Amino acid sequence: VTESGRIELLPFLREQTVTITAHRYGIPDREIAALRLD
């Protein structure tokens, strides 16, 4: 056990990558750009 948060938080977390196309034919989609993904 260490005092490092970077090490000790990881067992309690699952990583996730979210890729979203945020445009339609080059026109930005404001609603998708505003989505909260924290």
Full PDB file with SEQRES, HELIX, SHEET, SSBOND, CRYST1, ORIGX, SCALE, CONECT and MASTER records, all heavy atoms in Angstrom:
SEQRES   1 A   38  VAL THR GLU SER GLY ARG ILE GLU LEU LEU PRO PHE LEU          
SEQRES   2 A   38  ARG GLU GLN THR VAL THR ILE THR ALA HIS ARG TYR GLY          
SEQRES   3 A   38  ILE PRO ASP ARG GLU ILE ALA ALA LEU ARG LEU ASP              
HELIX    1 AA1 GLY A    5  GLU A    8  1                                   4    
HELIX    2 AA2 LEU A   10  PHE A   12  5                                   3    
HELIX    3 AA3 ARG A   30  ALA A   33  1                                   4    
SHEET    1 AA1 2 HIS A  23  ARG A  24  0                                        
SHEET    2 AA1 2 ILE A  27  PRO A  28 -1                                        
CRYST1    1.000    1.000    1.000  90.00  90.00  90.00 P 1           1          
ORIGX1      1.000000  0.000000  0.000000        0.00000                         
ORIGX2      0.000000  1.000000  0.000000        0.00000                         
ORIGX3      0.000000  0.000000  1.000000        0.00000                         
SCALE1      1.000000  0.000000  0.000000        0.00000                         
SCALE2      0.000000  1.000000  0.000000        0.00000                         
SCALE3      0.000000  0.000000  1.000000        0.00000                         
ATOM      1  N   VAL A   1       0.846  -1.197   0.000  1.00  0.00           N  
ATOM      2  CA  VAL A   1       0.000   0.000   0.000  1.00  0.00           C  
ATOM      3  C   VAL A   1       0.876   1.240   0.000  1.00  0.00           C  
ATOM      4  O   VAL A   1       1.804   1.359   0.789  1.00  0.00           O  
ATOM      5  CB  VAL A   1      -0.928   0.004   1.228  1.00  0.00           C  
ATOM      6  CG1 VAL A   1      -1.729   1.303   1.295  1.00  0.00           C  
ATOM      7  CG2 VAL A   1      -1.866  -1.199   1.179  1.00  0.00           C  
ATOM      8  N   THR A   2       0.602   2.161  -0.907  1.00  0.00           N  
ATOM      9  CA  THR A   2       1.375   3.391  -1.023  1.00  0.00           C  
ATOM     10  C   THR A   2       0.494   4.591  -0.711  1.00  0.00           C  
ATOM     11  O   THR A   2      -0.734   4.482  -0.604  1.00  0.00           O  
ATOM     12  CB  THR A   2       1.945   3.554  -2.447  1.00  0.00           C  
ATOM     13  OG1 THR A   2       0.873   3.886  -3.344  1.00  0.00           O  
ATOM     14  CG2 THR A   2       2.623   2.270  -2.919  1.00  0.00           C  
ATOM     15  N   GLU A   3       1.121   5.748  -0.596  1.00  0.00           N  
ATOM     16  CA  GLU A   3       0.378   6.992  -0.400  1.00  0.00           C  
ATOM     17  C   GLU A   3       0.000   7.646  -1.722  1.00  0.00           C  
ATOM     18  O   GLU A   3      -0.629   8.701  -1.736  1.00  0.00           O  
ATOM     19  CB  GLU A   3       1.209   7.961   0.445  1.00  0.00           C  
ATOM     20  CG  GLU A   3       1.466   7.479   1.854  1.00  0.00           C  
ATOM     21  CD  GLU A   3       2.305   8.452   2.658  1.00  0.00           C  
ATOM     22  OE1 GLU A   3       2.380   9.636   2.267  1.00  0.00           O  
ATOM     23  OE2 GLU A   3       2.896   8.035   3.667  1.00  0.00           O  
ATOM     24  N   SER A   4       0.367   7.023  -2.832  1.00  0.00           N  
ATOM     25  CA  SER A   4       0.123   7.609  -4.146  1.00  0.00           C  
ATOM     26  C   SER A   4      -1.320   7.391  -4.592  1.00  0.00           C  
ATOM     27  O   SER A   4      -1.772   6.251  -4.753  1.00  0.00           O  
ATOM     28  CB  SER A   4       1.068   6.987  -5.177  1.00  0.00           C  
ATOM     29  OG  SER A   4       0.670   7.323  -6.493  1.00  0.00           O  
ATOM     30  N   GLY A   5      -2.032   8.477  -4.824  1.00  0.00           N  
ATOM     31  CA  GLY A   5      -3.381   8.357  -5.341  1.00  0.00           C  
ATOM     32  C   GLY A   5      -3.409   7.769  -6.726  1.00  0.00           C  
ATOM     33  O   GLY A   5      -4.333   7.034  -7.086  1.00  0.00           O  
ATOM     34  N   ARG A   6      -2.403   8.075  -7.526  1.00  0.00           N  
ATOM     35  CA  ARG A   6      -2.358   7.558  -8.893  1.00  0.00           C  
ATOM     36  C   ARG A   6      -2.330   6.038  -8.916  1.00  0.00           C  
ATOM     37  O   ARG A   6      -2.880   5.401  -9.814  1.00  0.00           O  
ATOM     38  CB  ARG A   6      -1.130   8.109  -9.603  1.00  0.00           C  
ATOM     39  CG  ARG A   6      -1.027   7.746 -11.061  1.00  0.00           C  
ATOM     40  CD  ARG A   6      -2.107   8.436 -11.875  1.00  0.00           C  
ATOM     41  NE  ARG A   6      -2.249   7.876 -13.195  1.00  0.00           N  
ATOM     42  CZ  ARG A   6      -3.145   8.274 -14.080  1.00  0.00           C  
ATOM     43  NH1 ARG A   6      -3.982   9.238 -13.755  1.00  0.00           N  
ATOM     44  NH2 ARG A   6      -3.249   7.717 -15.253  1.00  0.00           N  
ATOM     45  N   ILE A   7      -1.694   5.423  -7.926  1.00  0.00           N  
ATOM     46  CA  ILE A   7      -1.584   3.968  -7.863  1.00  0.00           C  
ATOM     47  C   ILE A   7      -2.781   3.358  -7.156  1.00  0.00           C  
ATOM     48  O   ILE A   7      -3.382   2.387  -7.630  1.00  0.00           O  
ATOM     49  CB  ILE A   7      -0.278   3.562  -7.153  1.00  0.00           C  
ATOM     50  CG1 ILE A   7       0.928   4.017  -7.989  1.00  0.00           C  
ATOM     51  CG2 ILE A   7      -0.232   2.061  -6.906  1.00  0.00           C  
ATOM     52  CD1 ILE A   7       2.245   3.867  -7.271  1.00  0.00           C  
ATOM     53  N   GLU A   8      -3.179   3.904  -6.028  1.00  0.00           N  
ATOM     54  CA  GLU A   8      -4.176   3.251  -5.188  1.00  0.00           C  
ATOM     55  C   GLU A   8      -5.619   3.467  -5.641  1.00  0.00           C  
ATOM     56  O   GLU A   8      -6.504   2.710  -5.250  1.00  0.00           O  
ATOM     57  CB  GLU A   8      -4.021   3.716  -3.734  1.00  0.00           C  
ATOM     58  CG  GLU A   8      -2.689   3.355  -3.106  1.00  0.00           C  
ATOM     59  CD  GLU A   8      -2.413   1.855  -3.083  1.00  0.00           C  
ATOM     60  OE1 GLU A   8      -3.393   1.072  -3.160  1.00  0.00           O  
ATOM     61  OE2 GLU A   8      -1.239   1.467  -3.007  1.00  0.00           O  
ATOM     62  N   LEU A   9      -5.873   4.484  -6.478  1.00  0.00           N  
ATOM     63  CA  LEU A   9      -7.238   4.655  -6.984  1.00  0.00           C  
ATOM     64  C   LEU A   9      -7.573   3.654  -8.089  1.00  0.00           C  
ATOM     65  O   LEU A   9      -8.736   3.297  -8.275  1.00  0.00           O  
ATOM     66  CB  LEU A   9      -7.433   6.079  -7.519  1.00  0.00           C  
ATOM     67  CG  LEU A   9      -7.392   7.231  -6.514  1.00  0.00           C  
ATOM     68  CD1 LEU A   9      -7.637   8.554  -7.229  1.00  0.00           C  
ATOM     69  CD2 LEU A   9      -8.419   7.047  -5.400  1.00  0.00           C  
ATOM     70  N   LEU A  10      -6.567   3.190  -8.820  1.00  0.00           N  
ATOM     71  CA  LEU A  10      -6.824   2.380 -10.015  1.00  0.00           C  
ATOM     72  C   LEU A  10      -7.569   1.077  -9.747  1.00  0.00           C  
ATOM     73  O   LEU A  10      -8.413   0.683 -10.560  1.00  0.00           O  
ATOM     74  CB  LEU A  10      -5.516   2.103 -10.754  1.00  0.00           C  
ATOM     75  CG  LEU A  10      -4.865   3.318 -11.434  1.00  0.00           C  
ATOM     76  CD1 LEU A  10      -3.608   2.899 -12.178  1.00  0.00           C  
ATOM     77  CD2 LEU A  10      -5.847   3.991 -12.389  1.00  0.00           C  
ATOM     78  N   PRO A  11      -7.285   0.338  -8.649  1.00  0.00           N  
ATOM     79  CA  PRO A  11      -8.073  -0.883  -8.441  1.00  0.00           C  
ATOM     80  C   PRO A  11      -9.575  -0.640  -8.315  1.00  0.00           C  
ATOM     81  O   PRO A  11     -10.361  -1.554  -8.547  1.00  0.00           O  
ATOM     82  CB  PRO A  11      -7.500  -1.440  -7.122  1.00  0.00           C  
ATOM     83  CG  PRO A  11      -6.122  -0.893  -7.037  1.00  0.00           C  
ATOM     84  CD  PRO A  11      -6.218   0.474  -7.647  1.00  0.00           C  
ATOM     85  N   PHE A  12      -9.973   0.568  -7.979  1.00  0.00           N  
ATOM     86  CA  PHE A  12     -11.384   0.879  -7.777  1.00  0.00           C  
ATOM     87  C   PHE A  12     -12.026   1.510  -9.012  1.00  0.00           C  
ATOM     88  O   PHE A  12     -13.179   1.951  -8.952  1.00  0.00           O  
ATOM     89  CB  PHE A  12     -11.532   1.830  -6.581  1.00  0.00           C  
ATOM     90  CG  PHE A  12     -11.042   1.240  -5.293  1.00  0.00           C  
ATOM     91  CD1 PHE A  12      -9.754   1.494  -4.844  1.00  0.00           C  
ATOM     92  CD2 PHE A  12     -11.854   0.414  -4.537  1.00  0.00           C  
ATOM     93  CE1 PHE A  12      -9.293   0.949  -3.658  1.00  0.00           C  
ATOM     94  CE2 PHE A  12     -11.403  -0.140  -3.351  1.00  0.00           C  
ATOM     95  CZ  PHE A  12     -10.117   0.119  -2.917  1.00  0.00           C  
ATOM     96  N   LEU A  13     -11.292   1.539 -10.124  1.00  0.00           N  
ATOM     97  CA  LEU A  13     -11.781   2.216 -11.324  1.00  0.00           C  
ATOM     98  C   LEU A  13     -11.659   1.319 -12.551  1.00  0.00           C  
ATOM     99  O   LEU A  13     -10.737   0.508 -12.648  1.00  0.00           O  
ATOM    100  CB  LEU A  13     -10.992   3.508 -11.569  1.00  0.00           C  
ATOM    101  CG  LEU A  13     -11.120   4.596 -10.510  1.00  0.00           C  
ATOM    102  CD1 LEU A  13     -10.063   5.672 -10.739  1.00  0.00           C  
ATOM    103  CD2 LEU A  13     -12.517   5.208 -10.531  1.00  0.00           C  
ATOM    104  N   ARG A  14     -12.590   1.498 -13.481  1.00  0.00           N  
ATOM    105  CA  ARG A  14     -12.498   0.851 -14.782  1.00  0.00           C  
ATOM    106  C   ARG A  14     -12.304   1.931 -15.842  1.00  0.00           C  
ATOM    107  O   ARG A  14     -13.048   2.912 -15.886  1.00  0.00           O  
ATOM    108  CB  ARG A  14     -13.759   0.044 -15.077  1.00  0.00           C  
ATOM    109  CG  ARG A  14     -13.984  -1.106 -14.114  1.00  0.00           C  
ATOM    110  CD  ARG A  14     -15.130  -2.001 -14.548  1.00  0.00           C  
ATOM    111  NE  ARG A  14     -16.416  -1.347 -14.443  1.00  0.00           N  
ATOM    112  CZ  ARG A  14     -17.584  -1.950 -14.689  1.00  0.00           C  
ATOM    113  NH1 ARG A  14     -17.587  -3.215 -15.062  1.00  0.00           N  
ATOM    114  NH2 ARG A  14     -18.721  -1.309 -14.555  1.00  0.00           N  
ATOM    115  N   GLU A  15     -11.313   1.743 -16.681  1.00  0.00           N  
ATOM    116  CA  GLU A  15     -11.064   2.711 -17.755  1.00  0.00           C  
ATOM    117  C   GLU A  15     -12.123   2.585 -18.843  1.00  0.00           C  
ATOM    118  O   GLU A  15     -12.646   1.508 -19.117  1.00  0.00           O  
ATOM    119  CB  GLU A  15      -9.691   2.460 -18.385  1.00  0.00           C  
ATOM    120  CG  GLU A  15      -8.515   2.816 -17.528  1.00  0.00           C  
ATOM    121  CD  GLU A  15      -7.214   2.599 -18.275  1.00  0.00           C  
ATOM    122  OE1 GLU A  15      -6.857   3.440 -19.112  1.00  0.00           O  
ATOM    123  OE2 GLU A  15      -6.566   1.561 -18.020  1.00  0.00           O  
ATOM    124  N   GLN A  16     -12.400   3.691 -19.483  1.00  0.00           N  
ATOM    125  CA  GLN A  16     -13.325   3.689 -20.610  1.00  0.00           C  
ATOM    126  C   GLN A  16     -12.937   4.789 -21.596  1.00  0.00           C  
ATOM    127  O   GLN A  16     -12.651   5.921 -21.197  1.00  0.00           O  
ATOM    128  CB  GLN A  16     -14.755   3.905 -20.126  1.00  0.00           C  
ATOM    129  CG  GLN A  16     -15.821   3.621 -21.164  1.00  0.00           C  
ATOM    130  CD  GLN A  16     -17.214   3.691 -20.574  1.00  0.00           C  
ATOM    131  OE1 GLN A  16     -17.683   4.771 -20.192  1.00  0.00           O  
ATOM    132  NE2 GLN A  16     -17.897   2.559 -20.487  1.00  0.00           N  
ATOM    133  N   THR A  17     -12.906   4.436 -22.865  1.00  0.00           N  
ATOM    134  CA  THR A  17     -12.646   5.399 -23.936  1.00  0.00           C  
ATOM    135  C   THR A  17     -13.933   5.612 -24.725  1.00  0.00           C  
ATOM    136  O   THR A  17     -14.583   4.644 -25.122  1.00  0.00           O  
ATOM    137  CB  THR A  17     -11.548   4.885 -24.880  1.00  0.00           C  
ATOM    138  OG1 THR A  17     -10.337   4.691 -24.138  1.00  0.00           O  
ATOM    139  CG2 THR A  17     -11.286   5.891 -25.992  1.00  0.00           C  
ATOM    140  N   VAL A  18     -14.316   6.863 -24.930  1.00  0.00           N  
ATOM    141  CA  VAL A  18     -15.536   7.194 -25.668  1.00  0.00           C  
ATOM    142  C   VAL A  18     -15.148   8.021 -26.890  1.00  0.00           C  
ATOM    143  O   VAL A  18     -14.603   9.125 -26.750  1.00  0.00           O  
ATOM    144  CB  VAL A  18     -16.531   7.991 -24.796  1.00  0.00           C  
ATOM    145  CG1 VAL A  18     -17.835   8.214 -25.548  1.00  0.00           C  
ATOM    146  CG2 VAL A  18     -16.787   7.274 -23.478  1.00  0.00           C  
ATOM    147  N   THR A  19     -15.416   7.478 -28.074  1.00  0.00           N  
ATOM    148  CA  THR A  19     -15.161   8.191 -29.334  1.00  0.00           C  
ATOM    149  C   THR A  19     -16.496   8.547 -29.970  1.00  0.00           C  
ATOM    150  O   THR A  19     -17.336   7.666 -30.197  1.00  0.00           O  
ATOM    151  CB  THR A  19     -14.334   7.325 -30.295  1.00  0.00           C  
ATOM    152  OG1 THR A  19     -13.033   7.117 -29.748  1.00  0.00           O  
ATOM    153  CG2 THR A  19     -14.206   8.002 -31.651  1.00  0.00           C  
ATOM    154  N   ILE A  20     -16.719   9.829 -30.238  1.00  0.00           N  
ATOM    155  CA  ILE A  20     -17.982  10.290 -30.822  1.00  0.00           C  
ATOM    156  C   ILE A  20     -17.686  11.215 -31.995  1.00  0.00           C  
ATOM    157  O   ILE A  20     -16.952  12.200 -31.855  1.00  0.00           O  
ATOM    158  CB  ILE A  20     -18.840  11.056 -29.792  1.00  0.00           C  
ATOM    159  CG1 ILE A  20     -19.106  10.209 -28.548  1.00  0.00           C  
ATOM    160  CG2 ILE A  20     -20.156  11.494 -30.417  1.00  0.00           C  
ATOM    161  CD1 ILE A  20     -19.930  10.925 -27.495  1.00  0.00           C  
ATOM    162  N   THR A  21     -18.254  10.910 -33.143  1.00  0.00           N  
ATOM    163  CA  THR A  21     -18.204  11.845 -34.266  1.00  0.00           C  
ATOM    164  C   THR A  21     -19.107  13.028 -33.930  1.00  0.00           C  
ATOM    165  O   THR A  21     -20.312  12.861 -33.727  1.00  0.00           O  
ATOM    166  CB  THR A  21     -18.672  11.169 -35.560  1.00  0.00           C  
ATOM    167  OG1 THR A  21     -17.784  10.080 -35.864  1.00  0.00           O  
ATOM    168  CG2 THR A  21     -18.679  12.156 -36.717  1.00  0.00           C  
ATOM    169  N   ALA A  22     -18.529  14.225 -33.869  1.00  0.00           N  
ATOM    170  CA  ALA A  22     -19.263  15.404 -33.396  1.00  0.00           C  
ATOM    171  C   ALA A  22     -19.581  16.359 -34.539  1.00  0.00           C  
ATOM    172  O   ALA A  22     -19.611  17.573 -34.362  1.00  0.00           O  
ATOM    173  CB  ALA A  22     -18.462  16.126 -32.319  1.00  0.00           C  
ATOM    174  N   HIS A  23     -19.831  15.805 -35.716  1.00  0.00           N  
ATOM    175  CA  HIS A  23     -20.197  16.657 -36.862  1.00  0.00           C  
ATOM    176  C   HIS A  23     -21.048  15.843 -37.822  1.00  0.00           C  
ATOM    177  O   HIS A  23     -21.100  14.603 -37.744  1.00  0.00           O  
ATOM    178  CB  HIS A  23     -18.935  17.153 -37.585  1.00  0.00           C  
ATOM    179  CG  HIS A  23     -18.220  16.057 -38.337  1.00  0.00           C  
ATOM    180  ND1 HIS A  23     -18.472  15.757 -39.655  1.00  0.00           N  
ATOM    181  CD2 HIS A  23     -17.282  15.169 -37.927  1.00  0.00           C  
ATOM    182  CE1 HIS A  23     -17.705  14.750 -40.041  1.00  0.00           C  
ATOM    183  NE2 HIS A  23     -16.975  14.369 -39.004  1.00  0.00           N  
ATOM    184  N   ARG A  24     -21.713  16.544 -38.714  1.00  0.00           N  
ATOM    185  CA  ARG A  24     -22.396  15.900 -39.837  1.00  0.00           C  
ATOM    186  C   ARG A  24     -21.906  16.545 -41.107  1.00  0.00           C  
ATOM    187  O   ARG A  24     -22.137  17.727 -41.370  1.00  0.00           O  
ATOM    188  CB  ARG A  24     -23.916  16.050 -39.732  1.00  0.00           C  
ATOM    189  CG  ARG A  24     -24.545  15.189 -38.647  1.00  0.00           C  
ATOM    190  CD  ARG A  24     -26.025  14.984 -38.922  1.00  0.00           C  
ATOM    191  NE  ARG A  24     -26.219  14.066 -40.043  1.00  0.00           N  
ATOM    192  CZ  ARG A  24     -27.359  13.951 -40.715  1.00  0.00           C  
ATOM    193  NH1 ARG A  24     -28.392  14.715 -40.413  1.00  0.00           N  
ATOM    194  NH2 ARG A  24     -27.470  13.084 -41.713  1.00  0.00           N  
ATOM    195  N   TYR A  25     -21.141  15.776 -41.884  1.00  0.00           N  
ATOM    196  CA  TYR A  25     -20.588  16.244 -43.145  1.00  0.00           C  
ATOM    197  C   TYR A  25     -19.802  17.535 -42.968  1.00  0.00           C  
ATOM    198  O   TYR A  25     -19.903  18.477 -43.765  1.00  0.00           O  
ATOM    199  CB  TYR A  25     -21.699  16.415 -44.189  1.00  0.00           C  
ATOM    200  CG  TYR A  25     -22.528  15.162 -44.360  1.00  0.00           C  
ATOM    201  CD1 TYR A  25     -23.811  15.085 -43.840  1.00  0.00           C  
ATOM    202  CD2 TYR A  25     -22.001  14.039 -44.998  1.00  0.00           C  
ATOM    203  CE1 TYR A  25     -24.567  13.933 -43.958  1.00  0.00           C  
ATOM    204  CE2 TYR A  25     -22.750  12.874 -45.124  1.00  0.00           C  
ATOM    205  CZ  TYR A  25     -24.033  12.821 -44.610  1.00  0.00           C  
ATOM    206  OH  TYR A  25     -24.755  11.671 -44.730  1.00  0.00           O  
ATOM    207  N   GLY A  26     -19.038  17.592 -41.883  1.00  0.00           N  
ATOM    208  CA  GLY A  26     -18.160  18.728 -41.628  1.00  0.00           C  
ATOM    209  C   GLY A  26     -18.781  19.856 -40.838  1.00  0.00           C  
ATOM    210  O   GLY A  26     -18.080  20.784 -40.432  1.00  0.00           O  
ATOM    211  N   ILE A  27     -20.082  19.779 -40.587  1.00  0.00           N  
ATOM    212  CA  ILE A  27     -20.764  20.825 -39.816  1.00  0.00           C  
ATOM    213  C   ILE A  27     -20.810  20.389 -38.350  1.00  0.00           C  
ATOM    214  O   ILE A  27     -21.387  19.339 -38.037  1.00  0.00           O  
ATOM    215  CB  ILE A  27     -22.187  21.069 -40.338  1.00  0.00           C  
ATOM    216  CG1 ILE A  27     -22.140  21.482 -41.809  1.00  0.00           C  
ATOM    217  CG2 ILE A  27     -22.890  22.126 -39.494  1.00  0.00           C  
ATOM    218  CD1 ILE A  27     -23.501  21.597 -42.460  1.00  0.00           C  
ATOM    219  N   PRO A  28     -20.209  21.148 -37.418  1.00  0.00           N  
ATOM    220  CA  PRO A  28     -20.184  20.722 -36.013  1.00  0.00           C  
ATOM    221  C   PRO A  28     -21.586  20.544 -35.439  1.00  0.00           C  
ATOM    222  O   PRO A  28     -22.502  21.304 -35.746  1.00  0.00           O  
ATOM    223  CB  PRO A  28     -19.442  21.869 -35.310  1.00  0.00           C  
ATOM    224  CG  PRO A  28     -18.636  22.520 -36.384  1.00  0.00           C  
ATOM    225  CD  PRO A  28     -19.455  22.405 -37.638  1.00  0.00           C  
ATOM    226  N   ASP A  29     -21.744  19.506 -34.624  1.00  0.00           N  
ATOM    227  CA  ASP A  29     -23.003  19.250 -33.933  1.00  0.00           C  
ATOM    228  C   ASP A  29     -22.868  19.787 -32.513  1.00  0.00           C  
ATOM    229  O   ASP A  29     -22.157  19.221 -31.684  1.00  0.00           O  
ATOM    230  CB  ASP A  29     -23.287  17.733 -33.907  1.00  0.00           C  
ATOM    231  CG  ASP A  29     -24.671  17.408 -33.380  1.00  0.00           C  
ATOM    232  OD1 ASP A  29     -25.065  18.001 -32.354  1.00  0.00           O  
ATOM    233  OD2 ASP A  29     -25.355  16.558 -33.977  1.00  0.00           O  
ATOM    234  N   ARG A  30     -23.539  20.888 -32.220  1.00  0.00           N  
ATOM    235  CA  ARG A  30     -23.374  21.557 -30.936  1.00  0.00           C  
ATOM    236  C   ARG A  30     -23.897  20.722 -29.775  1.00  0.00           C  
ATOM    237  O   ARG A  30     -23.337  20.741 -28.680  1.00  0.00           O  
ATOM    238  CB  ARG A  30     -24.076  22.907 -30.971  1.00  0.00           C  
ATOM    239  CG  ARG A  30     -23.437  23.901 -31.949  1.00  0.00           C  
ATOM    240  CD  ARG A  30     -24.137  25.248 -31.901  1.00  0.00           C  
ATOM    241  NE  ARG A  30     -23.521  26.195 -32.810  1.00  0.00           N  
ATOM    242  CZ  ARG A  30     -23.948  27.448 -32.989  1.00  0.00           C  
ATOM    243  NH1 ARG A  30     -24.992  27.888 -32.288  1.00  0.00           N  
ATOM    244  NH2 ARG A  30     -23.336  28.250 -33.839  1.00  0.00           N  
ATOM    245  N   GLU A  31     -24.997  19.984 -29.989  1.00  0.00           N  
ATOM    246  CA  GLU A  31     -25.545  19.172 -28.900  1.00  0.00           C  
ATOM    247  C   GLU A  31     -24.581  18.057 -28.501  1.00  0.00           C  
ATOM    248  O   GLU A  31     -24.368  17.788 -27.321  1.00  0.00           O  
ATOM    249  CB  GLU A  31     -26.898  18.579 -29.315  1.00  0.00           C  
ATOM    250  CG  GLU A  31     -28.024  19.597 -29.376  1.00  0.00           C  
ATOM    251  CD  GLU A  31     -29.374  18.928 -29.576  1.00  0.00           C  
ATOM    252  OE1 GLU A  31     -29.397  17.707 -29.863  1.00  0.00           O  
ATOM    253  OE2 GLU A  31     -30.394  19.613 -29.436  1.00  0.00           O  
ATOM    254  N   ILE A  32     -23.984  17.410 -29.471  1.00  0.00           N  
ATOM    255  CA  ILE A  32     -23.035  16.346 -29.163  1.00  0.00           C  
ATOM    256  C   ILE A  32     -21.774  16.926 -28.566  1.00  0.00           C  
ATOM    257  O   ILE A  32     -21.187  16.359 -27.639  1.00  0.00           O  
ATOM    258  CB  ILE A  32     -22.724  15.516 -30.433  1.00  0.00           C  
ATOM    259  CG1 ILE A  32     -23.966  14.730 -30.846  1.00  0.00           C  
ATOM    260  CG2 ILE A  32     -21.548  14.579 -30.203  1.00  0.00           C  
ATOM    261  CD1 ILE A  32     -23.804  13.922 -32.102  1.00  0.00           C  
ATOM    262  N   ALA A  33     -21.352  18.076 -29.049  1.00  0.00           N  
ATOM    263  CA  ALA A  33     -20.165  18.715 -28.483  1.00  0.00           C  
ATOM    264  C   ALA A  33     -20.374  19.106 -27.034  1.00  0.00           C  
ATOM    265  O   ALA A  33     -19.411  19.167 -26.258  1.00  0.00           O  
ATOM    266  CB  ALA A  33     -19.789  19.950 -29.320  1.00  0.00           C  
ATOM    267  N   ALA A  34     -21.631  19.360 -26.640  1.00  0.00           N  
ATOM    268  CA  ALA A  34     -21.918  19.814 -25.277  1.00  0.00           C  
ATOM    269  C   ALA A  34     -22.180  18.658 -24.313  1.00  0.00           C  
ATOM    270  O   ALA A  34     -22.336  18.904 -23.104  1.00  0.00           O  
ATOM    271  CB  ALA A  34     -23.138  20.744 -25.294  1.00  0.00           C  
ATOM    272  N   LEU A  35     -22.210  17.424 -24.798  1.00  0.00           N  
ATOM    273  CA  LEU A  35     -22.478  16.288 -23.916  1.00  0.00           C  
ATOM    274  C   LEU A  35     -21.405  16.181 -22.836  1.00  0.00           C  
ATOM    275  O   LEU A  35     -20.212  16.261 -23.109  1.00  0.00           O  
ATOM    276  CB  LEU A  35     -22.504  14.984 -24.718  1.00  0.00           C  
ATOM    277  CG  LEU A  35     -23.755  14.688 -25.534  1.00  0.00           C  
ATOM    278  CD1 LEU A  35     -23.529  13.407 -26.341  1.00  0.00           C  
ATOM    279  CD2 LEU A  35     -24.973  14.539 -24.645  1.00  0.00           C  
ATOM    280  N   ARG A  36     -21.827  15.949 -21.597  1.00  0.00           N  
ATOM    281  CA  ARG A  36     -20.875  15.738 -20.486  1.00  0.00           C  
ATOM    282  C   ARG A  36     -20.490  14.275 -20.451  1.00  0.00           C  
ATOM    283  O   ARG A  36     -21.349  13.384 -20.374  1.00  0.00           O  
ATOM    284  CB  ARG A  36     -21.505  16.166 -19.166  1.00  0.00           C  
ATOM    285  CG  ARG A  36     -21.723  17.670 -19.066  1.00  0.00           C  
ATOM    286  CD  ARG A  36     -21.807  18.100 -17.618  1.00  0.00           C  
ATOM    287  NE  ARG A  36     -20.628  17.688 -16.854  1.00  0.00           N  
ATOM    288  CZ  ARG A  36     -20.449  17.967 -15.572  1.00  0.00           C  
ATOM    289  NH1 ARG A  36     -21.379  18.648 -14.919  1.00  0.00           N  
ATOM    290  NH2 ARG A  36     -19.378  17.560 -14.948  1.00  0.00           N  
ATOM    291  N   LEU A  37     -19.198  14.023 -20.463  1.00  0.00           N  
ATOM    292  CA  LEU A  37     -18.687  12.649 -20.510  1.00  0.00           C  
ATOM    293  C   LEU A  37     -17.698  12.392 -19.379  1.00  0.00           C  
ATOM    294  O   LEU A  37     -16.772  11.577 -19.516  1.00  0.00           O  
ATOM    295  CB  LEU A  37     -18.037  12.378 -21.868  1.00  0.00           C  
ATOM    296  CG  LEU A  37     -18.970  12.442 -23.073  1.00  0.00           C  
ATOM    297  CD1 LEU A  37     -18.184  12.326 -24.371  1.00  0.00           C  
ATOM    298  CD2 LEU A  37     -20.036  11.345 -23.008  1.00  0.00           C  
ATOM    299  N   ASP A  38     -17.844  13.066 -18.230  1.00  0.00           N  
ATOM    300  CA  ASP A  38     -16.962  12.834 -17.089  1.00  0.00           C  
ATOM    301  C   ASP A  38     -17.238  11.465 -16.477  1.00  0.00           C  
ATOM    302  O   ASP A  38     -18.344  10.950 -16.571  1.00  0.00           O  
ATOM    303  CB  ASP A  38     -17.167  13.931 -16.039  1.00  0.00           C  
ATOM    304  CG  ASP A  38     -16.588  15.266 -16.527  1.00  0.00           C  
ATOM    305  OD1 ASP A  38     -15.742  15.231 -17.420  1.00  0.00           O  
ATOM    306  OD2 ASP A  38     -17.032  16.311 -16.029  1.00  0.00           O  
TER     307      ASP A  38                                                      
MASTER        0    0    0    3    2    0    0    6  306    1    0    3          
END                                                                             
